PDB file of N, CA and C in Angstrom:
ATOM      1  N   ARG A   1       0.810  -1.220   0.014  1.00  0.00           N
ATOM      2  CA  ARG A   1      -0.024  -0.015   0.080  1.00  0.00           C
ATOM      3  C   ARG A   1       0.872   1.298  -0.078  1.00  0.00           C
ATOM      4  N   PHE A   2       0.404   2.184  -0.598  1.00  0.00           N
ATOM      5  CA  PHE A   2       1.157   3.512  -0.766  1.00  0.00           C
ATOM      6  C   PHE A   2       0.110   4.609  -0.090  1.00  0.00           C
ATOM      7  N   GLY A   3       0.785   5.637   0.400  1.00  0.00           N
ATOM      8  CA  GLY A   3       0.034   6.742   1.045  1.00  0.00           C
ATOM      9  C   GLY A   3      -0.654   7.564  -0.006  1.00  0.00           C
ATOM     10  N   LEU A   4      -1.568   8.412   0.450  1.00  0.00           N
ATOM     11  CA  LEU A   4      -2.274   9.467  -0.329  1.00  0.00           C
ATOM     12  C   LEU A   4      -1.923  10.869   0.156  1.00  0.00           C
ATOM     13  N   GLY A   5      -1.117  11.177   1.129  1.00  0.00           N
ATOM     14  CA  GLY A   5      -0.924  12.398   1.617  1.00  0.00           C
ATOM     15  C   GLY A   5      -1.473  12.598   3.072  1.00  0.00           C
ATOM     16  N   LEU A   6      -1.346  13.883   3.389  1.00  0.00           N
ATOM     17  CA  LEU A   6      -1.774  14.279   4.781  1.00  0.00           C
ATOM     18  C   LEU A   6      -2.857  15.436   4.541  1.00  0.00           C
ATOM     19  N   THR A   7      -3.688  15.542   5.654  1.00  0.00           N
ATOM     20  CA  THR A   7      -4.437  16.781   5.835  1.00  0.00           C
ATOM     21  C   THR A   7      -3.607  17.843   6.388  1.00  0.00           C
ATOM     22  N   SER A   8      -4.341  18.983   6.472  1.00  0.00           N
ATOM     23  CA  SER A   8      -3.549  20.243   7.227  1.00  0.00           C
ATOM     24  C   SER A   8      -3.237  19.953   8.545  1.00  0.00           C
ATOM     25  N   LYS A   9      -3.874  18.956   9.164  1.00  0.00           N
ATOM     26  CA  LYS A   9      -3.373  18.495  10.645  1.00  0.00           C
ATOM     27  C   LYS A   9      -2.524  17.271  10.602  1.00  0.00           C
ATOM     28  N   ASP A  10      -1.905  16.956   9.511  1.00  0.00           N
ATOM     29  CA  ASP A  10      -0.944  15.894   9.319  1.00  0.00           C
ATOM     30  C   ASP A  10      -1.661  14.520   9.599  1.00  0.00           C
ATOM     31  N   GLU A  11      -3.048  14.348   9.391  1.00  0.00           N
ATOM     32  CA  GLU A  11      -3.593  13.152   9.342  1.00  0.00           C
ATOM     33  C   GLU A  11      -3.486  12.383   7.999  1.00  0.00           C
ATOM     34  N   LYS A  12      -3.312  11.079   8.157  1.00  0.00           N
ATOM     35  CA  LYS A  12      -3.309  10.177   6.942  1.00  0.00           C
ATOM     36  C   LYS A  12      -4.527  10.225   6.180  1.00  0.00           C
ATOM     37  N   ILE A  13      -4.519  10.556   4.861  1.00  0.00           N
ATOM     38  CA  ILE A  13      -5.872  10.685   4.109  1.00  0.00           C
ATOM     39  C   ILE A  13      -6.376   9.143   3.727  1.00  0.00           C
ATOM     40  N   GLY A  14      -5.370   8.259   3.464  1.00  0.00           N
ATOM     41  CA  GLY A  14      -5.789   6.999   3.179  1.00  0.00           C
ATOM     42  C   GLY A  14      -4.664   6.360   2.354  1.00  0.00           C
ATOM     43  N   SER A  15      -4.964   5.381   1.592  1.00  0.00           N
ATOM     44  CA  SER A  15      -3.848   4.639   0.833  1.00  0.00           C
ATOM     45  C   SER A  15      -4.419   4.045  -0.424  1.00  0.00           C
ATOM     46  N   PHE A  16      -3.466   3.649  -1.371  1.00  0.00           N
ATOM     47  CA  PHE A  16      -3.940   2.991  -2.592  1.00  0.00           C
ATOM     48  C   PHE A  16      -2.937   1.828  -2.833  1.00  0.00           C
ATOM     49  N   ARG A  17      -3.504   0.823  -3.605  1.00  0.00           N
ATOM     50  CA  ARG A  17      -2.511  -0.261  -4.015  1.00  0.00           C
ATOM     51  C   ARG A  17      -2.774  -0.599  -5.425  1.00  0.00           C
ATOM     52  N   LEU A  18      -1.748  -1.039  -5.972  1.00  0.00           N
ATOM     53  CA  LEU A  18      -1.649  -1.456  -7.552  1.00  0.00           C
ATOM     54  C   LEU A  18      -1.549  -2.873  -7.646  1.00  0.00           C
ATOM     55  N   ARG A  19      -2.473  -3.355  -8.465  1.00  0.00           N
ATOM     56  CA  ARG A  19      -2.315  -4.841  -8.840  1.00  0.00           C
ATOM     57  C   ARG A  19      -2.167  -5.144 -10.126  1.00  0.00           C
ATOM     58  N   ILE A  20      -1.494  -6.187 -10.472  1.00  0.00           N
ATOM     59  CA  ILE A  20      -1.396  -6.708 -11.887  1.00  0.00           C
ATOM     60  C   ILE A  20      -2.522  -7.732 -12.008  1.00  0.00           C
ATOM     61  N   ALA A  21      -3.344  -7.598 -13.018  1.00  0.00           N
ATOM     62  CA  ALA A  21      -4.547  -8.575 -13.366  1.00  0.00           C
ATOM     63  C   ALA A  21      -4.084  -9.286 -14.535  1.00  0.00           C
ATOM     64  N   PRO A  22      -4.196 -10.596 -14.428  1.00  0.00           N
ATOM     65  CA  PRO A  22      -3.777 -11.312 -15.591  1.00  0.00           C
ATOM     66  C   PRO A  22      -4.822 -11.266 -16.772  1.00  0.00           C
ATOM     67  N   GLU A  23      -6.067 -10.959 -16.504  1.00  0.00           N
ATOM     68  CA  GLU A  23      -6.924 -10.791 -17.515  1.00  0.00           C
ATOM     69  C   GLU A  23      -6.442  -9.501 -18.348  1.00  0.00           C
ATOM     70  N   GLY A  24      -6.396  -9.682 -19.720  1.00  0.00           N
ATOM     71  CA  GLY A  24      -5.857  -8.720 -20.603  1.00  0.00           C
ATOM     72  C   GLY A  24      -4.379  -8.399 -20.597  1.00  0.00           C
ATOM     73  N   SER A  25      -3.706  -9.133 -19.701  1.00  0.00           N
ATOM     74  CA  SER A  25      -2.103  -9.051 -19.741  1.00  0.00           C
ATOM     75  C   SER A  25      -1.692 -10.257 -20.524  1.00  0.00           C
ATOM     76  N   THR A  26      -0.543  -9.796 -21.395  1.00  0.00           N
ATOM     77  CA  THR A  26       0.278 -10.836 -22.155  1.00  0.00           C
ATOM     78  C   THR A  26       1.719 -10.685 -22.052  1.00  0.00           C
ATOM     79  N   MET A  27       2.414 -11.638 -22.446  1.00  0.00           N
ATOM     80  CA  MET A  27       3.884 -11.647 -22.562  1.00  0.00           C
ATOM     81  C   MET A  27       4.264 -12.423 -23.921  1.00  0.00           C
ATOM     82  N   ASP A  28       4.762 -11.655 -24.800  1.00  0.00           N
ATOM     83  CA  ASP A  28       5.081 -12.073 -26.162  1.00  0.00           C
ATOM     84  C   ASP A  28       3.885 -12.645 -26.841  1.00  0.00           C
ATOM     85  N   GLY A  29       2.604 -12.056 -26.523  1.00  0.00           N
ATOM     86  CA  GLY A  29       1.268 -12.552 -27.115  1.00  0.00           C
ATOM     87  C   GLY A  29       0.607 -13.657 -26.377  1.00  0.00           C
ATOM     88  N   LYS A  30       1.277 -14.242 -25.359  1.00  0.00           N
ATOM     89  CA  LYS A  30       0.639 -15.368 -24.565  1.00  0.00           C
ATOM     90  C   LYS A  30       0.016 -14.864 -23.405  1.00  0.00           C
ATOM     91  N   PRO A  31      -0.898 -15.522 -22.812  1.00  0.00           N
ATOM     92  CA  PRO A  31      -1.495 -15.130 -21.436  1.00  0.00           C
ATOM     93  C   PRO A  31      -0.383 -15.098 -20.272  1.00  0.00           C
ATOM     94  N   VAL A  32      -0.567 -14.315 -19.446  1.00  0.00           N
ATOM     95  CA  VAL A  32       0.459 -14.093 -18.237  1.00  0.00           C
ATOM     96  C   VAL A  32      -0.188 -14.841 -17.043  1.00  0.00           C
ATOM     97  N   LEU A  33       0.847 -15.657 -16.328  1.00  0.00           N
ATOM     98  CA  LEU A  33       0.510 -15.976 -15.113  1.00  0.00           C
ATOM     99  C   LEU A  33       1.603 -15.318 -14.052  1.00  0.00           C
ATOM    100  N   LEU A  34       1.268 -15.161 -12.806  1.00  0.00           N
ATOM    101  CA  LEU A  34       2.087 -14.432 -12.007  1.00  0.00           C
ATOM    102  C   LEU A  34       2.653 -15.206 -10.743  1.00  0.00           C
ATOM    103  N   THR A  35       3.897 -14.900 -10.448  1.00  0.00           N
ATOM    104  CA  THR A  35       4.406 -15.570  -9.260  1.00  0.00           C
ATOM    105  C   THR A  35       5.189 -14.400  -8.357  1.00  0.00           C
ATOM    106  N   VAL A  36       5.088 -14.839  -7.110  1.00  0.00           N
ATOM    107  CA  VAL A  36       5.741 -13.890  -6.134  1.00  0.00           C
ATOM    108  C   VAL A  36       7.034 -14.488  -5.655  1.00  0.00           C
ATOM    109  N   GLY A  37       8.099 -13.632  -5.593  1.00  0.00           N
ATOM    110  CA  GLY A  37       9.410 -14.082  -5.391  1.00  0.00           C
ATOM    111  C   GLY A  37       9.987 -13.205  -4.108  1.00  0.00           C
ATOM    112  N   SER A  38      11.013 -13.826  -3.343  1.00  0.00           N
ATOM    113  CA  SER A  38      11.720 -13.299  -2.320  1.00  0.00           C
ATOM    114  C   SER A  38      12.446 -11.973  -3.002  1.00  0.00           C
ATOM    115  N   ALA A  39      12.916 -11.088  -2.093  1.00  0.00           N
ATOM    116  CA  ALA A  39      13.576  -9.842  -2.555  1.00  0.00           C
ATOM    117  C   ALA A  39      14.819 -10.245  -3.276  1.00  0.00           C
ATOM    118  N   THR A  40      15.481 -11.416  -2.993  1.00  0.00           N
ATOM    119  CA  THR A  40      16.674 -11.840  -3.747  1.00  0.00           C
ATOM    120  C   THR A  40      16.448 -12.388  -5.033  1.00  0.00           C
ATOM    121  N   GLY A  41      15.185 -12.940  -5.264  1.00  0.00           N
ATOM    122  CA  GLY A  41      14.800 -13.617  -6.509  1.00  0.00           C
ATOM    123  C   GLY A  41      15.200 -15.014  -6.553  1.00  0.00           C
ATOM    124  N   LYS A  42      15.655 -15.461  -5.378  1.00  0.00           N
ATOM    125  CA  LYS A  42      16.008 -17.111  -5.414  1.00  0.00           C
ATOM    126  C   LYS A  42      14.781 -17.961  -4.985  1.00  0.00           C
ATOM    127  N   VAL A  43      13.690 -17.562  -4.438  1.00  0.00           N
ATOM    128  CA  VAL A  43      12.658 -18.375  -4.008  1.00  0.00           C
ATOM    129  C   VAL A  43      11.282 -17.805  -4.637  1.00  0.00           C
ATOM    130  N   TRP A  44      10.483 -18.634  -5.262  1.00  0.00           N
ATOM    131  CA  TRP A  44       9.372 -18.117  -5.973  1.00  0.00           C
ATOM    132  C   TRP A  44       8.057 -19.016  -5.632  1.00  0.00           C
ATOM    133  N   SER A  45       7.054 -18.498  -5.709  1.00  0.00           N
ATOM    134  CA  SER A  45       5.703 -19.175  -5.351  1.00  0.00           C
ATOM    135  C   SER A  45       5.426 -19.895  -6.777  1.00  0.00           C
ATOM    136  N   ALA A  46       4.466 -20.813  -6.824  1.00  0.00           N
ATOM    137  CA  ALA A  46       4.038 -21.406  -7.962  1.00  0.00           C
ATOM    138  C   ALA A  46       3.174 -20.398  -8.729  1.00  0.00           C
ATOM    139  N   ALA A  47       3.519 -20.352 -10.038  1.00  0.00           N
ATOM    140  CA  ALA A  47       2.696 -19.265 -10.892  1.00  0.00           C
ATOM    141  C   ALA A  47       1.259 -19.677 -10.925  1.00  0.00           C
ATOM    142  N   GLU A  48       0.418 -18.622 -10.876  1.00  0.00           N
ATOM    143  CA  GLU A  48      -0.968 -18.751 -10.946  1.00  0.00           C
ATOM    144  C   GLU A  48      -1.665 -17.723 -11.718  1.00  0.00           C
ATOM    145  N   ARG A  49      -2.832 -18.026 -12.432  1.00  0.00           N
ATOM    146  CA  ARG A  49      -3.472 -16.998 -13.127  1.00  0.00           C
ATOM    147  C   ARG A  49      -4.428 -16.195 -12.214  1.00  0.00           C
ATOM    148  N   ARG A  50      -3.853 -15.454 -11.336  1.00  0.00           N
ATOM    149  CA  ARG A  50      -4.778 -14.497 -10.384  1.00  0.00           C
ATOM    150  C   ARG A  50      -4.022 -13.225 -10.123  1.00  0.00           C
ATOM    151  N   THR A  51      -4.820 -12.258  -9.825  1.00  0.00           N
ATOM    152  CA  THR A  51      -4.317 -10.978  -9.582  1.00  0.00           C
ATOM    153  C   THR A  51      -3.374 -10.921  -8.450  1.00  0.00           C
ATOM    154  N   ARG A  52      -2.261 -10.186  -8.503  1.00  0.00           N
ATOM    155  CA  ARG A  52      -1.205 -10.051  -7.417  1.00  0.00           C
ATOM    156  C   ARG A  52      -0.877  -8.530  -7.392  1.00  0.00           C
ATOM    157  N   SER A  53      -0.683  -8.072  -5.960  1.00  0.00           N
ATOM    158  CA  SER A  53      -0.437  -6.806  -5.694  1.00  0.00           C
ATOM    159  C   SER A  53       0.985  -6.472  -5.976  1.00  0.00           C
ATOM    160  N   LEU A  54       1.380  -5.314  -6.461  1.00  0.00           N
ATOM    161  CA  LEU A  54       2.818  -4.930  -6.649  1.00  0.00           C
ATOM    162  C   LEU A  54       3.178  -4.434  -5.256  1.00  0.00           C
ATOM    163  N   ARG A  55       4.259  -4.857  -4.823  1.00  0.00           N
ATOM    164  CA  ARG A  55       4.746  -4.879  -3.451  1.00  0.00           C
ATOM    165  C   ARG A  55       5.529  -3.535  -3.039  1.00  0.00           C
ATOM    166  N   ASN A  56       5.543  -3.255  -1.802  1.00  0.00           N
ATOM    167  CA  ASN A  56       6.489  -2.307  -1.348  1.00  0.00           C
ATOM    168  C   ASN A  56       7.111  -2.822  -0.128  1.00  0.00           C
ATOM    169  N   ASP A  57       7.223  -4.076  -0.123  1.00  0.00           N
ATOM    170  CA  ASP A  57       7.965  -4.908   0.991  1.00  0.00           C
ATOM    171  C   ASP A  57       9.284  -5.616   0.609  1.00  0.00           C
ATOM    172  N   GLY A  58       9.668  -5.462  -0.683  1.00  0.00           N
ATOM    173  CA  GLY A  58      10.777  -6.041  -1.145  1.00  0.00           C
ATOM    174  C   GLY A  58      10.568  -7.247  -1.983  1.00  0.00           C
ATOM    175  N   GLN A  59       9.415  -7.906  -1.827  1.00  0.00           N
ATOM    176  CA  GLN A  59       9.009  -9.114  -2.620  1.00  0.00           C
ATOM    177  C   GLN A  59       8.743  -8.742  -4.010  1.00  0.00           C
ATOM    178  N   LEU A  60       9.206  -9.579  -4.887  1.00  0.00           N
ATOM    179  CA  LEU A  60       9.019  -9.371  -6.423  1.00  0.00           C
ATOM    180  C   LEU A  60       7.750  -9.993  -7.048  1.00  0.00           C
ATOM    181  N   VAL A  61       7.162  -9.379  -8.022  1.00  0.00           N
ATOM    182  CA  VAL A  61       6.253 -10.100  -8.889  1.00  0.00           C
ATOM    183  C   VAL A  61       6.849 -10.462 -10.389  1.00  0.00           C
ATOM    184  N   GLY A  62       6.781 -11.789 -10.511  1.00  0.00           N
ATOM    185  CA  GLY A  62       7.309 -12.171 -12.005  1.00  0.00           C
ATOM    186  C   GLY A  62       6.335 -12.543 -12.845  1.00  0.00           C
ATOM    187  N   LEU A  63       6.605 -12.652 -14.144  1.00  0.00           N
ATOM    188  CA  LEU A  63       5.732 -13.004 -15.165  1.00  0.00           C
ATOM    189  C   LEU A  63       6.116 -14.409 -15.709  1.00  0.00           C
ATOM    190  N   VAL A  64       5.130 -15.207 -15.749  1.00  0.00           N
ATOM    191  CA  VAL A  64       5.480 -16.737 -16.218  1.00  0.00           C
ATOM    192  C   VAL A  64       4.380 -17.053 -17.306  1.00  0.00           C
ATOM    193  N   ASP A  65       4.690 -18.007 -18.231  1.00  0.00           N
ATOM    194  CA  ASP A  65       3.864 -18.441 -19.338  1.00  0.00           C
ATOM    195  C   ASP A  65       3.216 -19.738 -19.011  1.00  0.00           C
ATOM    196  N   LYS A  66       3.551 -20.578 -17.969  1.00  0.00           N
ATOM    197  CA  LYS A  66       3.061 -21.799 -17.686  1.00  0.00           C
ATOM    198  C   LYS A  66       2.610 -22.011 -16.302  1.00  0.00           C
ATOM    199  N   GLU A  67       1.470 -22.511 -15.903  1.00  0.00           N
ATOM    200  CA  GLU A  67       1.061 -22.709 -14.558  1.00  0.00           C
ATOM    201  C   GLU A  67       1.850 -23.509 -13.712  1.00  0.00           C
ATOM    202  N   GLY A  68       2.050 -23.328 -12.420  1.00  0.00           N
ATOM    203  CA  GLY A  68       2.622 -24.101 -11.441  1.00  0.00           C
ATOM    204  C   GLY A  68       4.160 -23.903 -11.490  1.00  0.00           C
ATOM    205  N   VAL A  69       4.878 -23.014 -12.424  1.00  0.00           N
ATOM    206  CA  VAL A  69       6.185 -22.968 -12.494  1.00  0.00           C
ATOM    207  C   VAL A  69       6.720 -22.233 -11.137  1.00  0.00           C
ATOM    208  N   GLU A  70       7.646 -22.800 -10.466  1.00  0.00           N
ATOM    209  CA  GLU A  70       8.268 -22.157  -9.305  1.00  0.00           C
ATOM    210  C   GLU A  70       9.833 -21.783  -9.436  1.00  0.00           C
ATOM    211  N   SER A  71      10.208 -21.858 -10.611  1.00  0.00           N
ATOM    212  CA  SER A  71      11.586 -21.505 -10.765  1.00  0.00           C
ATOM    213  C   SER A  71      11.983 -20.015 -11.171  1.00  0.00           C
ATOM    214  N   GLY A  72      10.839 -19.174 -11.135  1.00  0.00           N
ATOM    215  CA  GLY A  72      11.091 -17.727 -11.327  1.00  0.00           C
ATOM    216  C   GLY A  72      10.446 -17.405 -12.690  1.00  0.00           C
ATOM    217  N   PRO A  73      10.664 -16.035 -12.916  1.00  0.00           N
ATOM    218  CA  PRO A  73      10.047 -15.450 -14.190  1.00  0.00           C
ATOM    219  C   PRO A  73      10.617 -16.105 -15.429  1.00  0.00           C
ATOM    220  N   THR A  74       9.667 -15.949 -16.541  1.00  0.00           N
ATOM    221  CA  THR A  74      10.011 -16.486 -17.789  1.00  0.00           C
ATOM    222  C   THR A  74      10.646 -15.376 -18.529  1.00  0.00           C
ATOM    223  N   ALA A  75      11.719 -15.553 -19.361  1.00  0.00           N
ATOM    224  CA  ALA A  75      12.289 -14.495 -20.293  1.00  0.00           C
ATOM    225  C   ALA A  75      11.145 -14.097 -21.277  1.00  0.00           C
ATOM    226  N   THR A  76      11.004 -12.676 -21.343  1.00  0.00           N
ATOM    227  CA  THR A  76      10.044 -12.125 -22.276  1.00  0.00           C
ATOM    228  C   THR A  76      10.670 -11.040 -23.062  1.00  0.00           C
ATOM    229  N   LYS A  77      10.205 -10.817 -24.250  1.00  0.00           N
ATOM    230  CA  LYS A  77      10.645  -9.536 -25.045  1.00  0.00           C
ATOM    231  C   LYS A  77       9.579  -8.472 -24.849  1.00  0.00           C
ATOM    232  N   ASP A  78       8.336  -8.805 -24.909  1.00  0.00           N
ATOM    233  CA  ASP A  78       7.246  -7.730 -24.923  1.00  0.00           C
ATOM    234  C   ASP A  78       6.133  -8.210 -23.947  1.00  0.00           C
ATOM    235  N   ALA A  79       5.933  -7.291 -22.891  1.00  0.00           N
ATOM    236  CA  ALA A  79       4.758  -7.581 -21.943  1.00  0.00           C
ATOM    237  C   ALA A  79       3.831  -6.365 -21.908  1.00  0.00           C
ATOM    238  N   VAL A  80       2.599  -6.749 -21.968  1.00  0.00           N
ATOM    239  CA  VAL A  80       1.660  -5.806 -21.773  1.00  0.00           C
ATOM    240  C   VAL A  80       0.650  -6.095 -20.483  1.00  0.00           C
ATOM    241  N   LEU A  81       0.641  -5.345 -19.499  1.00  0.00           N
ATOM    242  CA  LEU A  81       0.026  -5.598 -18.285  1.00  0.00           C
ATOM    243  C   LEU A  81      -1.149  -4.629 -18.008  1.00  0.00           C
ATOM    244  N   THR A  82      -2.155  -5.362 -17.357  1.00  0.00           N
ATOM    245  CA  THR A  82      -3.236  -4.675 -16.927  1.00  0.00           C
ATOM    246  C   THR A  82      -3.059  -4.206 -15.349  1.00  0.00           C
ATOM    247  N   LEU A  83      -2.964  -2.967 -15.168  1.00  0.00           N
ATOM    248  CA  LEU A  83      -2.729  -2.476 -13.847  1.00  0.00           C
ATOM    249  C   LEU A  83      -4.040  -1.945 -13.294  1.00  0.00           C
ATOM    250  N   VAL A  84      -4.458  -2.352 -12.098  1.00  0.00           N
ATOM    251  CA  VAL A  84      -5.721  -2.000 -11.484  1.00  0.00           C
ATOM    252  C   VAL A  84      -5.364  -1.260 -10.282  1.00  0.00           C
ATOM    253  N   SER A  85      -5.918  -0.165  -9.835  1.00  0.00           N
ATOM    254  CA  SER A  85      -5.750   0.589  -8.719  1.00  0.00           C
ATOM    255  C   SER A  85      -6.846   0.539  -7.747  1.00  0.00           C
ATOM    256  N   TYR A  86      -6.526   0.416  -6.529  1.00  0.00           N
ATOM    257  CA  TYR A  86      -7.700   0.461  -5.412  1.00  0.00           C
ATOM    258  C   TYR A  86      -7.274   1.552  -4.587  1.00  0.00           C
ATOM    259  N   LEU A  87      -8.477   2.427  -4.296  1.00  0.00           N
ATOM    260  CA  LEU A  87      -8.207   3.520  -3.417  1.00  0.00           C
ATOM    261  C   LEU A  87      -9.108   3.245  -2.030  1.00  0.00           C
ATOM    262  N   THR A  88      -8.365   3.687  -0.839  1.00  0.00           N
ATOM    263  CA  THR A  88      -9.072   3.718   0.347  1.00  0.00           C
ATOM    264  C   THR A  88      -8.941   5.014   1.035  1.00  0.00           C
ATOM    265  N   ILE A  89     -10.164   5.677   1.423  1.00  0.00           N
ATOM    266  CA  ILE A  89     -10.075   6.937   2.061  1.00  0.00           C
ATOM    267  C   ILE A  89     -10.267   6.541   3.693  1.00  0.00           C
ATOM    268  N   ALA A  90      -9.537   7.224   4.523  1.00  0.00           N
ATOM    269  CA  ALA A  90      -9.790   7.111   5.972  1.00  0.00           C
ATOM    270  C   ALA A  90     -11.250   7.626   6.259  1.00  0.00           C
ATOM    271  N   PRO A  91     -11.805   7.021   7.386  1.00  0.00           N
ATOM    272  CA  PRO A  91     -13.260   7.679   7.722  1.00  0.00           C
ATOM    273  C   PRO A  91     -13.072   9.066   7.882  1.00  0.00           C
ATOM    274  N   THR A  92     -14.002   9.773   7.361  1.00  0.00           N
ATOM    275  CA  THR A  92     -14.063  11.280   7.476  1.00  0.00           C
ATOM    276  C   THR A  92     -14.113  11.713   8.860  1.00  0.00           C
ATOM    277  N   ALA A  93     -14.704  10.926   9.723  1.00  0.00           N
ATOM    278  CA  ALA A  93     -14.932  11.304  11.125  1.00  0.00           C
ATOM    279  C   ALA A  93     -13.440  11.507  11.878  1.00  0.00           C
ATOM    280  N   ASN A  94     -12.447  10.750  11.207  1.00  0.00           N
ATOM    281  CA  ASN A  94     -11.150  10.806  11.850  1.00  0.00           C
ATOM    282  C   ASN A  94     -10.229  11.948  10.996  1.00  0.00           C
ATOM    283  N   LEU A  95     -10.711  12.741  10.152  1.00  0.00           N
ATOM    284  CA  LEU A  95     -10.075  13.685   9.299  1.00  0.00           C
ATOM    285  C   LEU A  95     -10.560  15.023   9.571  1.00  0.00           C
ATOM    286  N   THR A  96      -9.517  15.936   9.579  1.00  0.00           N
ATOM    287  CA  THR A  96      -9.991  17.314   9.722  1.00  0.00           C
ATOM    288  C   THR A  96     -10.088  17.825   8.183  1.00  0.00           C
ATOM    289  N   LEU A  97     -11.360  18.057   7.929  1.00  0.00           N
ATOM    290  CA  LEU A  97     -11.600  18.587   6.518  1.00  0.00           C
ATOM    291  C   LEU A  97     -12.151  19.856   6.535  1.00  0.00           C
ATOM    292  N   ASP A  98     -11.251  20.886   6.633  1.00  0.00           N
ATOM    293  CA  ASP A  98     -11.638  22.269   6.737  1.00  0.00           C
ATOM    294  C   ASP A  98     -11.552  23.009   5.518  1.00  0.00           C
ATOM    295  N   GLY A  99     -11.327  22.339   4.371  1.00  0.00           N
ATOM    296  CA  GLY A  99     -11.152  22.740   2.983  1.00  0.00           C
ATOM    297  C   GLY A  99     -10.886  21.520   2.129  1.00  0.00           C
ATOM    298  N   GLU A 100     -10.456  21.951   0.905  1.00  0.00           N
ATOM    299  CA  GLU A 100     -10.184  21.083  -0.133  1.00  0.00           C
ATOM    300  C   GLU A 100      -8.965  20.215   0.298  1.00  0.00           C
ATOM    301  N   VAL A 101      -8.890  18.928   0.021  1.00  0.00           N
ATOM    302  CA  VAL A 101      -7.745  18.183   0.518  1.00  0.00           C
ATOM    303  C   VAL A 101      -7.210  17.395  -0.610  1.00  0.00           C
ATOM    304  N   PRO A 102      -6.113  17.792  -1.154  1.00  0.00           N
ATOM    305  CA  PRO A 102      -5.493  17.253  -2.415  1.00  0.00           C
ATOM    306  C   PRO A 102      -5.059  15.795  -2.068  1.00  0.00           C
ATOM    307  N   LEU A 103      -5.212  14.876  -2.981  1.00  0.00           N
ATOM    308  CA  LEU A 103      -4.642  13.531  -2.992  1.00  0.00           C
ATOM    309  C   LEU A 103      -3.082  13.658  -3.579  1.00  0.00           C
ATOM    310  N   ALA A 104      -2.284  13.135  -2.861  1.00  0.00           N
ATOM    311  CA  ALA A 104      -0.773  13.220  -3.295  1.00  0.00           C
ATOM    312  C   ALA A 104      -0.015  11.797  -3.310  1.00  0.00           C
ATOM    313  N   GLY A 105      -0.690  10.782  -3.791  1.00  0.00           N
ATOM    314  CA  GLY A 105      -0.101   9.510  -3.823  1.00  0.00           C
ATOM    315  C   GLY A 105       0.707   9.376  -5.210  1.00  0.00           C
ATOM    316  N   ALA A 106       1.704   8.654  -4.945  1.00  0.00           N
ATOM    317  CA  ALA A 106       2.676   8.285  -6.034  1.00  0.00           C
ATOM    318  C   ALA A 106       3.419   6.905  -5.855  1.00  0.00           C
ATOM    319  N   ALA A 107       3.714   6.256  -6.841  1.00  0.00           N
ATOM    320  CA  ALA A 107       4.428   4.894  -6.704  1.00  0.00           C
ATOM    321  C   ALA A 107       5.351   4.800  -7.940  1.00  0.00           C
ATOM    322  N   THR A 108       6.526   4.251  -7.675  1.00  0.00           N
ATOM    323  CA  THR A 108       7.553   3.989  -8.748  1.00  0.00           C
ATOM    324  C   THR A 108       7.642   2.456  -8.887  1.00  0.00           C
ATOM    325  N   LEU A 109       7.416   2.132 -10.093  1.00  0.00           N
ATOM    326  CA  LEU A 109       7.454   0.751 -10.630  1.00  0.00           C
ATOM    327  C   LEU A 109       8.981   0.457 -10.952  1.00  0.00           C
ATOM    328  N   GLU A 110       9.649  -0.569 -10.481  1.00  0.00           N
ATOM    329  CA  GLU A 110      10.898  -0.912 -10.791  1.00  0.00           C
ATOM    330  C   GLU A 110      10.973  -2.302 -11.468  1.00  0.00           C
ATOM    331  N   LEU A 111      11.621  -2.394 -12.643  1.00  0.00           N
ATOM    332  CA  LEU A 111      11.825  -3.716 -13.360  1.00  0.00           C
ATOM    333  C   LEU A 111      13.194  -4.035 -13.052  1.00  0.00           C
ATOM    334  N   PHE A 112      13.282  -5.454 -12.753  1.00  0.00           N
ATOM    335  CA  PHE A 112      14.411  -6.066 -12.546  1.00  0.00           C
ATOM    336  C   PHE A 112      14.651  -7.159 -13.569  1.00  0.00           C
ATOM    337  N   TYR A 113      15.865  -7.290 -14.190  1.00  0.00           N
ATOM    338  CA  TYR A 113      16.112  -8.348 -15.129  1.00  0.00           C
ATOM    339  C   TYR A 113      16.926  -9.330 -14.274  1.00  0.00           C
ATOM    340  N   LEU A 114      16.363 -10.491 -14.065  1.00  0.00           N
ATOM    341  CA  LEU A 114      16.890 -11.676 -13.444  1.00  0.00           C
ATOM    342  C   LEU A 114      17.792 -12.594 -14.304  1.00  0.00           C
TER     343      LEU A 114
END
């Protein structure tokens, strides 16, 4: 999850998360399956055709073209990914809303070549 900024009283506005959806995602024209790996890229979960969150805890998300693969991402030349964002706003009873409150969320996507 990534933050959305603060109110004028330094209260957290909320958060958002980004997920990769396999629906509509392809790698070299083939359907994408997703796997989650350790920060070192040495240990990977079994690849599945299910939505995965982009992580900010050091874990990696890899692209695979065969279900059940646990050896890590598959080499690819072209990847097209469907990114979905989810926004959560803190309860307004807990926020000082004395004017317009701009949302200030940002995330950086890093690509690693393993």
